[in-house]
Amino acid sequence: MIITLQKNTIVGRQTEILIATYQRFLGLDTPFFHADPTSFSYRPKHSILTFVWEELHKMQGTISSSNWWLPTTNFDSDPPIMPSLLDAQRRARNTPHAISDKMIRHANLVRLFLRATFLSDILTPDMTTFADWALAATQQRQTSEIYIQLKHPHPLKCSNNGKPSLDRLS
């Protein structure tokens, strides 16, 4: 079944907003429809968009649009946080420093609370270390970008899961 969504219709606009929300939630700088959904343990479950994504992937299909929102950064070599964490998780698998799926999900919630997508969003101005406010999750980054509203993450999610995961980015 192929459906054409027109940009100027209510359903088309709602679909664009939902896709942008998924993109923000996943923290990717490339269209998520181009990625393997099973690589994202923190992907939304029980959603029609997740179902479409999974089914498309099974058929080796994808969809895209030049109208869909993707995050951008002003810096060269500025990786998105979540793909970096997923890479670190793959590298550390079956080692004493393994990163669990639960840690990834918690780190994503902390990232969303911080309103951060790229590593530069949570680094000090000299881009050499993590900002104290980001490691402690004591405040949200000031940005004009729209993020979902989250309450302050539970302290254990920050101290036990957020910080060790962030430390493993390098």
N, C-alpha and C. Protein backbone atom coordinates (compact mmCIF):
# COMPACT_ATOMS: atom_id res chain seq x y z
N MET A 1 0.85 -1.17 0.00
CA MET A 1 0.00 0.00 0.00
C MET A 1 0.90 1.24 0.00
N ILE A 2 0.64 2.13 -0.90
CA ILE A 2 1.38 3.39 -0.97
C ILE A 2 0.40 4.52 -0.75
N ILE A 3 0.75 5.41 0.15
CA ILE A 3 -0.09 6.55 0.47
C ILE A 3 0.69 7.81 0.17
N THR A 4 0.05 8.74 -0.48
CA THR A 4 0.66 10.04 -0.71
C THR A 4 0.09 11.00 0.32
N LEU A 5 0.99 11.60 1.09
CA LEU A 5 0.56 12.58 2.08
C LEU A 5 0.87 13.96 1.53
N GLN A 6 -0.14 14.75 1.42
CA GLN A 6 0.08 16.10 0.93
C GLN A 6 0.45 17.01 2.10
N LYS A 7 1.46 17.80 1.88
CA LYS A 7 2.02 18.66 2.92
C LYS A 7 0.99 19.64 3.48
N ASN A 8 0.10 20.12 2.64
CA ASN A 8 -0.82 21.17 3.07
C ASN A 8 -2.13 20.65 3.66
N THR A 9 -2.22 19.35 3.91
CA THR A 9 -3.42 18.83 4.54
C THR A 9 -3.19 18.65 6.03
N ILE A 10 -4.25 18.51 6.79
CA ILE A 10 -4.12 18.30 8.24
C ILE A 10 -3.37 17.01 8.52
N VAL A 11 -3.73 15.93 7.83
CA VAL A 11 -3.06 14.64 8.06
C VAL A 11 -1.59 14.73 7.65
N GLY A 12 -1.30 15.40 6.56
CA GLY A 12 0.09 15.56 6.13
C GLY A 12 0.90 16.33 7.14
N ARG A 13 0.34 17.41 7.67
CA ARG A 13 1.04 18.22 8.68
C ARG A 13 1.22 17.44 9.98
N GLN A 14 0.18 16.71 10.40
CA GLN A 14 0.28 15.90 11.61
C GLN A 14 1.37 14.83 11.46
N THR A 15 1.46 14.25 10.28
CA THR A 15 2.48 13.23 10.02
C THR A 15 3.87 13.85 10.09
N GLU A 16 4.04 15.02 9.50
CA GLU A 16 5.33 15.72 9.58
C GLU A 16 5.74 16.00 11.03
N ILE A 17 4.78 16.43 11.83
CA ILE A 17 5.05 16.72 13.25
C ILE A 17 5.41 15.45 14.00
N LEU A 18 4.70 14.36 13.73
CA LEU A 18 4.99 13.09 14.39
C LEU A 18 6.38 12.58 14.01
N ILE A 19 6.74 12.68 12.75
CA ILE A 19 8.06 12.24 12.31
C ILE A 19 9.15 13.11 12.94
N ALA A 20 8.93 14.41 13.03
CA ALA A 20 9.91 15.30 13.68
C ALA A 20 10.04 14.96 15.16
N THR A 21 8.93 14.61 15.80
CA THR A 21 8.96 14.23 17.21
C THR A 21 9.76 12.95 17.40
N TYR A 22 9.56 11.97 16.53
CA TYR A 22 10.35 10.73 16.58
C TYR A 22 11.83 11.04 16.37
N GLN A 23 12.11 11.88 15.39
CA GLN A 23 13.49 12.24 15.08
C GLN A 23 14.15 12.85 16.31
N ARG A 24 13.46 13.76 16.97
CA ARG A 24 13.99 14.41 18.18
C ARG A 24 14.16 13.38 19.30
N PHE A 25 13.15 12.51 19.47
CA PHE A 25 13.21 11.52 20.54
C PHE A 25 14.39 10.56 20.35
N LEU A 26 14.62 10.13 19.12
CA LEU A 26 15.70 9.19 18.84
C LEU A 26 17.08 9.86 18.88
N GLY A 27 17.13 11.18 18.67
CA GLY A 27 18.39 11.91 18.74
C GLY A 27 19.31 11.65 17.57
N LEU A 28 18.75 11.42 16.40
CA LEU A 28 19.55 11.12 15.21
C LEU A 28 19.68 12.36 14.33
N ASP A 29 20.78 12.42 13.58
CA ASP A 29 20.95 13.52 12.62
C ASP A 29 20.72 13.04 11.19
N THR A 30 20.32 11.79 11.04
CA THR A 30 19.95 11.23 9.74
C THR A 30 18.53 10.71 9.86
N PRO A 31 17.80 10.61 8.75
CA PRO A 31 16.40 10.13 8.85
C PRO A 31 16.32 8.75 9.49
N PHE A 32 15.50 8.62 10.51
CA PHE A 32 15.43 7.35 11.22
C PHE A 32 14.87 6.24 10.36
N PHE A 33 14.08 6.56 9.35
CA PHE A 33 13.55 5.52 8.46
C PHE A 33 14.67 4.80 7.70
N HIS A 34 15.85 5.39 7.62
CA HIS A 34 16.97 4.78 6.92
C HIS A 34 17.76 3.84 7.82
N ALA A 35 17.43 3.79 9.09
CA ALA A 35 18.18 2.99 10.06
C ALA A 35 17.40 1.72 10.43
N ASP A 36 18.12 0.77 10.99
CA ASP A 36 17.51 -0.47 11.47
C ASP A 36 16.83 -0.20 12.80
N PRO A 37 15.50 -0.35 12.88
CA PRO A 37 14.80 -0.03 14.12
C PRO A 37 15.23 -0.90 15.30
N THR A 38 15.71 -2.11 15.03
CA THR A 38 16.12 -2.97 16.14
C THR A 38 17.40 -2.48 16.81
N SER A 39 18.09 -1.53 16.18
CA SER A 39 19.30 -0.95 16.78
C SER A 39 18.98 0.03 17.90
N PHE A 40 17.71 0.38 18.04
CA PHE A 40 17.31 1.41 19.00
C PHE A 40 16.40 0.81 20.06
N SER A 41 17.01 0.32 21.14
CA SER A 41 16.23 -0.30 22.21
C SER A 41 15.28 0.71 22.86
N TYR A 42 15.56 1.98 22.71
CA TYR A 42 14.76 3.02 23.33
C TYR A 42 13.70 3.59 22.38
N ARG A 43 13.52 2.98 21.20
CA ARG A 43 12.51 3.49 20.25
C ARG A 43 11.12 3.37 20.86
N PRO A 44 10.21 4.23 20.47
CA PRO A 44 8.84 4.13 20.99
C PRO A 44 8.23 2.77 20.62
N LYS A 45 7.50 2.21 21.55
CA LYS A 45 6.84 0.92 21.31
C LYS A 45 5.34 1.17 21.10
N HIS A 46 4.68 0.22 20.48
CA HIS A 46 3.22 0.25 20.31
C HIS A 46 2.74 1.54 19.65
N SER A 47 3.41 1.90 18.57
CA SER A 47 3.05 3.11 17.84
C SER A 47 2.91 2.74 16.37
N ILE A 48 1.98 3.37 15.69
CA ILE A 48 1.80 3.09 14.27
C ILE A 48 3.05 3.47 13.48
N LEU A 49 3.71 4.54 13.86
CA LEU A 49 4.91 4.95 13.13
C LEU A 49 6.06 3.95 13.34
N THR A 50 6.19 3.43 14.55
CA THR A 50 7.20 2.39 14.80
C THR A 50 6.87 1.14 13.99
N PHE A 51 5.59 0.79 13.94
CA PHE A 51 5.16 -0.38 13.15
C PHE A 51 5.52 -0.18 11.68
N VAL A 52 5.23 0.98 11.12
CA VAL A 52 5.56 1.27 9.72
C VAL A 52 7.06 1.18 9.51
N TRP A 53 7.83 1.77 10.41
CA TRP A 53 9.30 1.75 10.33
C TRP A 53 9.82 0.31 10.33
N GLU A 54 9.32 -0.51 11.27
CA GLU A 54 9.77 -1.90 11.37
C GLU A 54 9.39 -2.70 10.12
N GLU A 55 8.17 -2.52 9.64
CA GLU A 55 7.72 -3.25 8.45
C GLU A 55 8.49 -2.82 7.21
N LEU A 56 8.73 -1.53 7.06
CA LEU A 56 9.54 -1.05 5.94
C LEU A 56 10.93 -1.67 5.97
N HIS A 57 11.52 -1.72 7.17
CA HIS A 57 12.87 -2.28 7.28
C HIS A 57 12.88 -3.76 6.89
N LYS A 58 11.85 -4.51 7.31
CA LYS A 58 11.77 -5.93 6.94
C LYS A 58 11.72 -6.10 5.42
N MET A 59 11.09 -5.17 4.73
CA MET A 59 10.98 -5.24 3.27
C MET A 59 12.16 -4.56 2.57
N GLN A 60 13.14 -4.11 3.37
CA GLN A 60 14.29 -3.35 2.87
C GLN A 60 13.84 -2.08 2.14
N GLY A 61 12.79 -1.49 2.66
CA GLY A 61 12.27 -0.24 2.09
C GLY A 61 12.54 0.93 3.00
N THR A 62 12.32 2.09 2.48
CA THR A 62 12.48 3.30 3.27
C THR A 62 11.59 4.39 2.67
N ILE A 63 11.38 5.41 3.40
CA ILE A 63 10.67 6.58 2.88
C ILE A 63 11.44 7.82 3.31
N SER A 64 11.30 8.86 2.55
CA SER A 64 11.99 10.10 2.91
C SER A 64 11.28 11.28 2.27
N SER A 65 11.60 12.43 2.76
CA SER A 65 11.04 13.66 2.24
C SER A 65 12.01 14.79 2.54
N SER A 66 12.14 15.70 1.60
CA SER A 66 13.00 16.86 1.84
C SER A 66 12.36 17.83 2.83
N ASN A 67 11.08 17.63 3.13
CA ASN A 67 10.38 18.51 4.07
C ASN A 67 10.55 18.09 5.53
N TRP A 68 11.07 16.90 5.78
CA TRP A 68 11.17 16.43 7.15
C TRP A 68 12.32 17.08 7.88
N TRP A 69 12.09 17.39 9.15
CA TRP A 69 13.06 18.07 9.98
C TRP A 69 14.20 17.13 10.36
N LEU A 70 15.42 17.66 10.31
CA LEU A 70 16.60 16.98 10.83
C LEU A 70 17.40 17.99 11.64
N PRO A 71 17.96 17.58 12.78
CA PRO A 71 18.75 18.53 13.58
C PRO A 71 20.05 18.87 12.88
N THR A 72 20.54 20.06 13.17
CA THR A 72 21.81 20.50 12.60
C THR A 72 22.71 21.03 13.71
N THR A 73 23.99 21.08 13.43
CA THR A 73 24.96 21.60 14.37
C THR A 73 25.84 22.63 13.65
N ASN A 74 26.42 23.52 14.42
CA ASN A 74 27.30 24.54 13.86
C ASN A 74 28.76 24.12 13.85
N PHE A 75 29.04 22.91 14.34
CA PHE A 75 30.42 22.48 14.51
C PHE A 75 30.75 21.29 13.61
N ASP A 76 32.01 21.23 13.15
CA ASP A 76 32.49 20.06 12.43
C ASP A 76 32.77 18.95 13.45
N SER A 77 32.66 17.73 13.04
CA SER A 77 32.95 16.58 13.91
C SER A 77 32.20 16.68 15.23
N ASP A 78 30.93 16.95 15.15
CA ASP A 78 30.06 17.08 16.33
C ASP A 78 29.02 15.97 16.28
N PRO A 79 29.32 14.83 16.88
CA PRO A 79 28.41 13.69 16.73
C PRO A 79 27.14 13.84 17.56
N PRO A 80 26.04 13.27 17.07
CA PRO A 80 24.84 13.21 17.90
C PRO A 80 25.12 12.28 19.10
N ILE A 81 24.55 12.59 20.23
CA ILE A 81 24.81 11.86 21.46
C ILE A 81 24.35 10.41 21.38
N MET A 82 23.12 10.16 20.95
CA MET A 82 22.59 8.81 21.01
C MET A 82 23.31 7.83 20.08
N PRO A 83 23.58 8.17 18.83
CA PRO A 83 24.36 7.22 18.03
C PRO A 83 25.75 6.96 18.62
N SER A 84 26.34 7.97 19.26
CA SER A 84 27.64 7.78 19.91
C SER A 84 27.52 6.80 21.07
N LEU A 85 26.45 6.92 21.84
CA LEU A 85 26.24 5.97 22.95
C LEU A 85 25.98 4.57 22.42
N LEU A 86 25.22 4.46 21.34
CA LEU A 86 24.96 3.14 20.76
C LEU A 86 26.24 2.51 20.23
N ASP A 87 27.11 3.32 19.64
CA ASP A 87 28.42 2.81 19.19
C ASP A 87 29.25 2.34 20.39
N ALA A 88 29.25 3.13 21.45
CA ALA A 88 29.98 2.75 22.67
C ALA A 88 29.40 1.46 23.25
N GLN A 89 28.08 1.31 23.20
CA GLN A 89 27.44 0.09 23.69
C GLN A 89 27.91 -1.12 22.88
N ARG A 90 27.96 -0.99 21.56
CA ARG A 90 28.41 -2.09 20.71
C ARG A 90 29.89 -2.44 20.98
N ARG A 91 30.73 -1.41 21.13
CA ARG A 91 32.16 -1.66 21.39
C ARG A 91 32.39 -2.34 22.74
N ALA A 92 31.56 -2.01 23.73
CA ALA A 92 31.78 -2.52 25.08
C ALA A 92 31.02 -3.82 25.36
N ARG A 93 30.25 -4.30 24.39
CA ARG A 93 29.47 -5.53 24.59
C ARG A 93 30.41 -6.66 25.00
N ASN A 94 29.96 -7.46 25.96
CA ASN A 94 30.70 -8.62 26.48
C ASN A 94 32.02 -8.24 27.13
N THR A 95 32.08 -7.05 27.68
CA THR A 95 33.24 -6.62 28.46
C THR A 95 32.74 -6.19 29.84
N PRO A 96 33.65 -6.01 30.79
CA PRO A 96 33.21 -5.53 32.11
C PRO A 96 32.60 -4.12 32.06
N HIS A 97 32.79 -3.39 30.97
CA HIS A 97 32.29 -2.02 30.85
C HIS A 97 31.03 -1.96 29.98
N ALA A 98 30.32 -3.06 29.87
CA ALA A 98 29.13 -3.12 29.00
C ALA A 98 28.10 -2.07 29.41
N ILE A 99 27.43 -1.53 28.42
CA ILE A 99 26.35 -0.56 28.63
C ILE A 99 25.04 -1.26 28.30
N SER A 100 24.16 -1.34 29.27
CA SER A 100 22.89 -2.07 29.08
C SER A 100 21.88 -1.22 28.30
N ASP A 101 20.88 -1.90 27.76
CA ASP A 101 19.78 -1.19 27.08
C ASP A 101 19.08 -0.26 28.06
N LYS A 102 18.97 -0.66 29.31
CA LYS A 102 18.33 0.17 30.32
C LYS A 102 19.13 1.47 30.52
N MET A 103 20.45 1.36 30.53
CA MET A 103 21.29 2.56 30.67
C MET A 103 21.11 3.48 29.46
N ILE A 104 20.98 2.90 28.27
CA ILE A 104 20.76 3.69 27.06
C ILE A 104 19.43 4.43 27.16
N ARG A 105 18.37 3.73 27.57
CA ARG A 105 17.05 4.38 27.71
C ARG A 105 17.11 5.52 28.73
N HIS A 106 17.77 5.29 29.84
CA HIS A 106 17.89 6.33 30.87
C HIS A 106 18.72 7.51 30.37
N ALA A 107 19.81 7.22 29.67
CA ALA A 107 20.64 8.30 29.13
C ALA A 107 19.84 9.12 28.12
N ASN A 108 18.99 8.47 27.35
CA ASN A 108 18.17 9.22 26.39
C ASN A 108 17.19 10.14 27.11
N LEU A 109 16.60 9.67 28.20
CA LEU A 109 15.70 10.53 28.97
C LEU A 109 16.45 11.73 29.56
N VAL A 110 17.65 11.49 30.05
CA VAL A 110 18.46 12.59 30.58
C VAL A 110 18.80 13.56 29.44
N ARG A 111 19.17 13.03 28.27
CA ARG A 111 19.49 13.86 27.10
C ARG A 111 18.29 14.73 26.72
N LEU A 112 17.11 14.14 26.71
CA LEU A 112 15.91 14.90 26.37
C LEU A 112 15.63 15.97 27.43
N PHE A 113 15.82 15.62 28.71
CA PHE A 113 15.64 16.62 29.76
C PHE A 113 16.61 17.78 29.57
N LEU A 114 17.86 17.46 29.22
CA LEU A 114 18.88 18.49 29.03
C LEU A 114 18.65 19.31 27.76
N ARG A 115 17.78 18.84 26.88
CA ARG A 115 17.50 19.48 25.59
C ARG A 115 18.76 19.49 24.73
N ALA A 116 19.35 18.31 24.59
CA ALA A 116 20.60 18.17 23.85
C ALA A 116 20.45 17.10 22.78
N THR A 117 21.03 17.36 21.62
CA THR A 117 21.08 16.37 20.55
C THR A 117 22.53 16.03 20.22
N PHE A 118 23.37 17.06 20.14
CA PHE A 118 24.77 16.87 19.76
C PHE A 118 25.67 16.99 20.97
N LEU A 119 26.85 16.40 20.86
CA LEU A 119 27.81 16.43 21.95
C LEU A 119 28.14 17.87 22.35
N SER A 120 28.24 18.77 21.38
CA SER A 120 28.56 20.16 21.69
C SER A 120 27.51 20.81 22.58
N ASP A 121 26.30 20.28 22.58
CA ASP A 121 25.23 20.84 23.41
C ASP A 121 25.50 20.68 24.90
N ILE A 122 26.34 19.71 25.27
CA ILE A 122 26.56 19.43 26.69
C ILE A 122 28.03 19.59 27.10
N LEU A 123 28.83 20.16 26.22
CA LEU A 123 30.24 20.38 26.54
C LEU A 123 30.47 21.81 27.04
N THR A 124 31.59 22.01 27.69
CA THR A 124 31.99 23.35 28.11
C THR A 124 32.30 24.16 26.85
N PRO A 125 32.36 25.50 26.95
CA PRO A 125 32.63 26.32 25.76
C PRO A 125 33.93 25.98 25.03
N ASP A 126 34.93 25.48 25.76
CA ASP A 126 36.18 25.12 25.09
C ASP A 126 36.10 23.74 24.42
N MET A 127 34.95 23.07 24.54
CA MET A 127 34.65 21.79 23.89
C MET A 127 35.58 20.66 24.33
N THR A 128 36.10 20.72 25.57
CA THR A 128 37.03 19.69 26.03
C THR A 128 36.45 18.76 27.09
N THR A 129 35.47 19.22 27.84
CA THR A 129 34.89 18.39 28.91
C THR A 129 33.38 18.60 28.96
N PHE A 130 32.73 17.66 29.62
CA PHE A 130 31.29 17.79 29.81
C PHE A 130 31.02 18.92 30.80
N ALA A 131 30.00 19.70 30.53
CA ALA A 131 29.60 20.77 31.44
C ALA A 131 29.07 20.14 32.72
N ASP A 132 29.38 20.75 33.85
CA ASP A 132 28.93 20.23 35.15
C ASP A 132 27.40 20.11 35.20
N TRP A 133 26.69 21.11 34.68
CA TRP A 133 25.23 21.07 34.71
C TRP A 133 24.68 19.90 33.90
N ALA A 134 25.42 19.51 32.86
CA ALA A 134 24.96 18.38 32.03
C ALA A 134 25.20 17.06 32.74
N LEU A 135 26.37 16.89 33.34
CA LEU A 135 26.65 15.64 34.06
C LEU A 135 25.72 15.46 35.25
N ALA A 136 25.42 16.53 35.94
CA ALA A 136 24.54 16.44 37.11
C ALA A 136 23.07 16.57 36.75
N ALA A 137 22.78 16.94 35.50
CA ALA A 137 21.40 17.17 35.04
C ALA A 137 20.68 18.14 35.98
N THR A 138 21.37 19.24 36.28
CA THR A 138 20.79 20.23 37.19
C THR A 138 19.97 21.30 36.49
N GLN A 139 20.17 21.45 35.19
CA GLN A 139 19.40 22.45 34.45
C GLN A 139 19.28 22.01 33.00
N GLN A 140 18.39 22.67 32.28
CA GLN A 140 18.20 22.39 30.87
C GLN A 140 18.95 23.42 30.03
N ARG A 141 19.42 22.98 28.89
CA ARG A 141 20.12 23.88 27.97
C ARG A 141 19.12 24.90 27.44
N GLN A 142 19.55 26.14 27.35
CA GLN A 142 18.72 27.18 26.78
C GLN A 142 18.77 27.08 25.26
N THR A 143 17.64 26.89 24.64
CA THR A 143 17.58 26.72 23.20
C THR A 143 16.21 27.15 22.68
N SER A 144 16.17 27.57 21.44
CA SER A 144 14.89 27.90 20.81
C SER A 144 14.26 26.66 20.20
N GLU A 145 15.00 25.55 20.17
CA GLU A 145 14.48 24.30 19.64
C GLU A 145 13.38 23.76 20.55
N ILE A 146 12.46 23.04 19.97
CA ILE A 146 11.33 22.50 20.73
C ILE A 146 11.63 21.07 21.15
N TYR A 147 11.58 20.83 22.45
CA TYR A 147 11.76 19.50 23.01
C TYR A 147 10.51 19.14 23.80
N ILE A 148 10.29 17.85 23.98
CA ILE A 148 9.18 17.43 24.82
C ILE A 148 9.47 17.87 26.25
N GLN A 149 8.44 18.15 27.00
CA GLN A 149 8.61 18.61 28.37
C GLN A 149 8.76 17.40 29.28
N LEU A 150 9.88 17.31 29.95
CA LEU A 150 10.13 16.23 30.90
C LEU A 150 10.42 16.81 32.27
N LYS A 151 9.96 16.10 33.28
CA LYS A 151 10.33 16.48 34.64
C LYS A 151 11.80 16.15 34.84
N HIS A 152 12.37 16.70 35.89
CA HIS A 152 13.76 16.42 36.21
C HIS A 152 13.94 14.91 36.35
N PRO A 153 14.96 14.34 35.71
CA PRO A 153 15.18 12.89 35.83
C PRO A 153 15.48 12.50 37.26
N HIS A 154 15.12 11.29 37.60
CA HIS A 154 15.40 10.76 38.92
C HIS A 154 16.91 10.80 39.15
N PRO A 155 17.38 11.18 40.34
CA PRO A 155 18.82 11.30 40.58
C PRO A 155 19.61 10.03 40.24
N LEU A 156 19.03 8.86 40.49
CA LEU A 156 19.74 7.63 40.17
C LEU A 156 19.96 7.49 38.67
N LYS A 157 19.01 7.98 37.88
CA LYS A 157 19.16 7.90 36.43
C LYS A 157 20.30 8.79 35.97
N CYS A 158 20.52 9.87 36.67
CA CYS A 158 21.62 10.77 36.30
C CYS A 158 22.95 10.24 36.80
N SER A 159 23.01 9.93 38.10
CA SER A 159 24.30 9.58 38.67
C SER A 159 24.75 8.18 38.28
N ASN A 160 23.85 7.22 38.20
CA ASN A 160 24.25 5.86 37.90
C ASN A 160 24.21 5.53 36.42
N ASN A 161 23.32 6.18 35.69
CA ASN A 161 23.17 5.79 34.29
C ASN A 161 23.59 6.90 33.34
N GLY A 162 23.20 8.12 33.59
CA GLY A 162 23.55 9.19 32.66
C GLY A 162 25.04 9.46 32.59
N LYS A 163 25.67 9.67 33.73
CA LYS A 163 27.09 10.03 33.71
C LYS A 163 27.99 8.93 33.19
N PRO A 164 27.88 7.68 33.66
CA PRO A 164 28.78 6.68 33.10
C PRO A 164 28.61 6.53 31.58
N SER A 165 27.39 6.62 31.10
CA SER A 165 27.17 6.51 29.66
C SER A 165 27.82 7.67 28.94
N LEU A 166 27.68 8.87 29.47
CA LEU A 166 28.29 10.03 28.84
C LEU A 166 29.80 9.95 28.86
N ASP A 167 30.35 9.43 29.95
CA ASP A 167 31.80 9.31 30.05
C ASP A 167 32.36 8.36 28.98
N ARG A 168 31.55 7.45 28.51
CA ARG A 168 32.03 6.45 27.54
C ARG A 168 31.93 6.93 26.10
N LEU A 169 31.51 8.16 25.89
CA LEU A 169 31.42 8.68 24.53
C LEU A 169 32.79 8.85 23.91
N SER A 170 33.78 9.12 24.72
CA SER A 170 35.11 9.40 24.17
C SER A 170 35.91 8.13 23.99
